[in-house]
């Protein structure tokens, strides 16, 4: 009984989405999401490297400002932008209300 009710509810929701012909997010949300992911990837790229060619030799380059401070801030900012893109609600269209 419960399965049938859930199945009907899900089916009705899918039909309403198909009638609205809308995506979960709007274009601006997707652009912000892509920008946030790009910032995260760029932060990890900035964080990489700094090792020495010789494994018996220690390189102080791994403790640079770029790897210890800047890159983690970039990664966190990218994650914040991704969360904002997911949470941002679309503006109401006046055309659809009429």
Protein backbone atom coordinates (compact mmCIF):
# COMPACT_ATOMS: atom_id res chain seq x y z
CA UNK A 1 0.00 0.00 0.00
CA UNK A 2 2.72 2.46 1.04
CA UNK A 3 4.83 1.52 -1.98
CA UNK A 4 1.96 2.27 -4.31
CA UNK A 5 1.31 5.65 -2.72
CA UNK A 6 5.00 6.56 -2.95
CA UNK A 7 5.16 5.39 -6.55
CA UNK A 8 2.11 7.47 -7.49
CA UNK A 9 3.51 10.52 -5.66
CA UNK A 10 6.86 10.22 -7.41
CA UNK A 11 5.14 9.69 -10.75
CA UNK A 12 2.95 12.79 -10.23
CA UNK A 13 6.02 14.85 -9.32
CA UNK A 14 7.82 13.69 -12.46
CA UNK A 15 4.82 14.59 -14.60
CA UNK A 16 4.68 18.08 -13.07
CA UNK A 17 8.39 18.59 -13.75
CA UNK A 18 7.91 17.47 -17.33
CA UNK A 19 5.00 19.89 -17.74
CA UNK A 20 7.07 22.76 -16.36
CA UNK A 21 9.93 21.65 -18.59
CA UNK A 22 12.41 22.98 -16.06
CA UNK A 23 15.75 21.89 -14.71
CA UNK A 24 16.68 21.70 -11.05
CA UNK A 25 18.83 24.82 -11.41
CA UNK A 26 18.83 27.83 -13.66
CA UNK A 27 21.65 28.89 -15.95
CA UNK A 28 23.21 31.19 -13.33
CA UNK A 29 23.34 28.34 -10.80
CA UNK A 30 25.18 26.12 -13.25
CA UNK A 31 27.65 28.88 -14.11
CA UNK A 32 28.36 29.50 -10.42
CA UNK A 33 28.75 25.76 -9.87
CA UNK A 34 31.26 25.45 -12.72
CA UNK A 35 33.15 28.51 -11.47
CA UNK A 36 33.30 27.06 -7.96
CA UNK A 37 34.61 23.73 -9.23
CA UNK A 38 37.21 25.56 -11.32
CA UNK A 39 38.40 27.48 -8.23
CA UNK A 40 38.66 24.22 -6.27
CA UNK A 41 40.69 22.54 -9.02
CA UNK A 42 42.90 25.62 -9.37
CA UNK A 43 43.48 25.62 -5.61
CA UNK A 44 44.63 22.01 -5.69
CA UNK A 45 46.90 22.75 -8.66
CA UNK A 46 48.44 25.68 -6.77
CA UNK A 47 48.90 23.42 -3.73
CA UNK A 48 50.77 20.72 -5.66
CA UNK A 49 54.49 20.52 -6.22
CA UNK A 50 57.29 21.76 -4.02
CA UNK A 51 59.04 18.44 -3.64
CA UNK A 52 62.71 18.02 -4.36
CA UNK A 53 64.10 15.92 -7.16
CA UNK A 54 66.37 14.02 -4.78
CA UNK A 55 64.48 12.00 -2.12
CA UNK A 56 67.44 12.34 0.27
CA UNK A 57 67.23 16.13 0.14
CA UNK A 58 64.55 18.17 1.95
CA UNK A 59 63.05 21.17 0.19
CA UNK A 60 61.70 24.13 2.17
CA UNK A 61 59.55 25.03 -0.87
CA UNK A 62 56.65 22.94 0.50
CA UNK A 63 56.20 25.51 3.28
CA UNK A 64 55.74 28.49 0.94
CA UNK A 65 52.91 30.99 1.37
CA UNK A 66 51.33 29.74 -1.84
CA UNK A 67 50.99 26.13 -0.63
CA UNK A 68 50.29 26.70 3.07
CA UNK A 69 47.94 29.72 2.94
CA UNK A 70 46.78 30.73 -0.53
CA UNK A 71 45.85 27.31 -1.93
CA UNK A 72 43.72 26.18 1.05
CA UNK A 73 41.89 29.53 1.01
CA UNK A 74 41.20 29.05 -2.70
CA UNK A 75 39.89 25.54 -2.13
CA UNK A 76 37.61 26.64 0.71
CA UNK A 77 36.38 29.63 -1.32
CA UNK A 78 35.61 27.26 -4.20
CA UNK A 79 33.63 24.96 -1.94
CA UNK A 80 31.78 27.98 -0.57
CA UNK A 81 30.93 29.09 -4.10
CA UNK A 82 29.66 25.61 -4.93
CA UNK A 83 27.44 25.61 -1.83
CA UNK A 84 26.14 29.07 -2.73
CA UNK A 85 25.37 27.91 -6.28
CA UNK A 86 23.38 24.97 -4.92
CA UNK A 87 21.47 27.01 -2.34
CA UNK A 88 20.72 30.06 -4.51
CA UNK A 89 17.04 30.28 -5.32
CA UNK A 90 15.96 31.53 -8.72
CA UNK A 91 14.29 34.90 -9.02
CA UNK A 92 10.56 34.78 -9.69
CA UNK A 93 9.68 35.43 -13.33
CA UNK A 94 6.89 37.93 -13.82
CA UNK A 95 6.05 36.30 -17.15
CA UNK A 96 5.10 33.01 -15.49
CA UNK A 97 2.85 34.69 -12.90
CA UNK A 98 0.67 36.38 -15.54
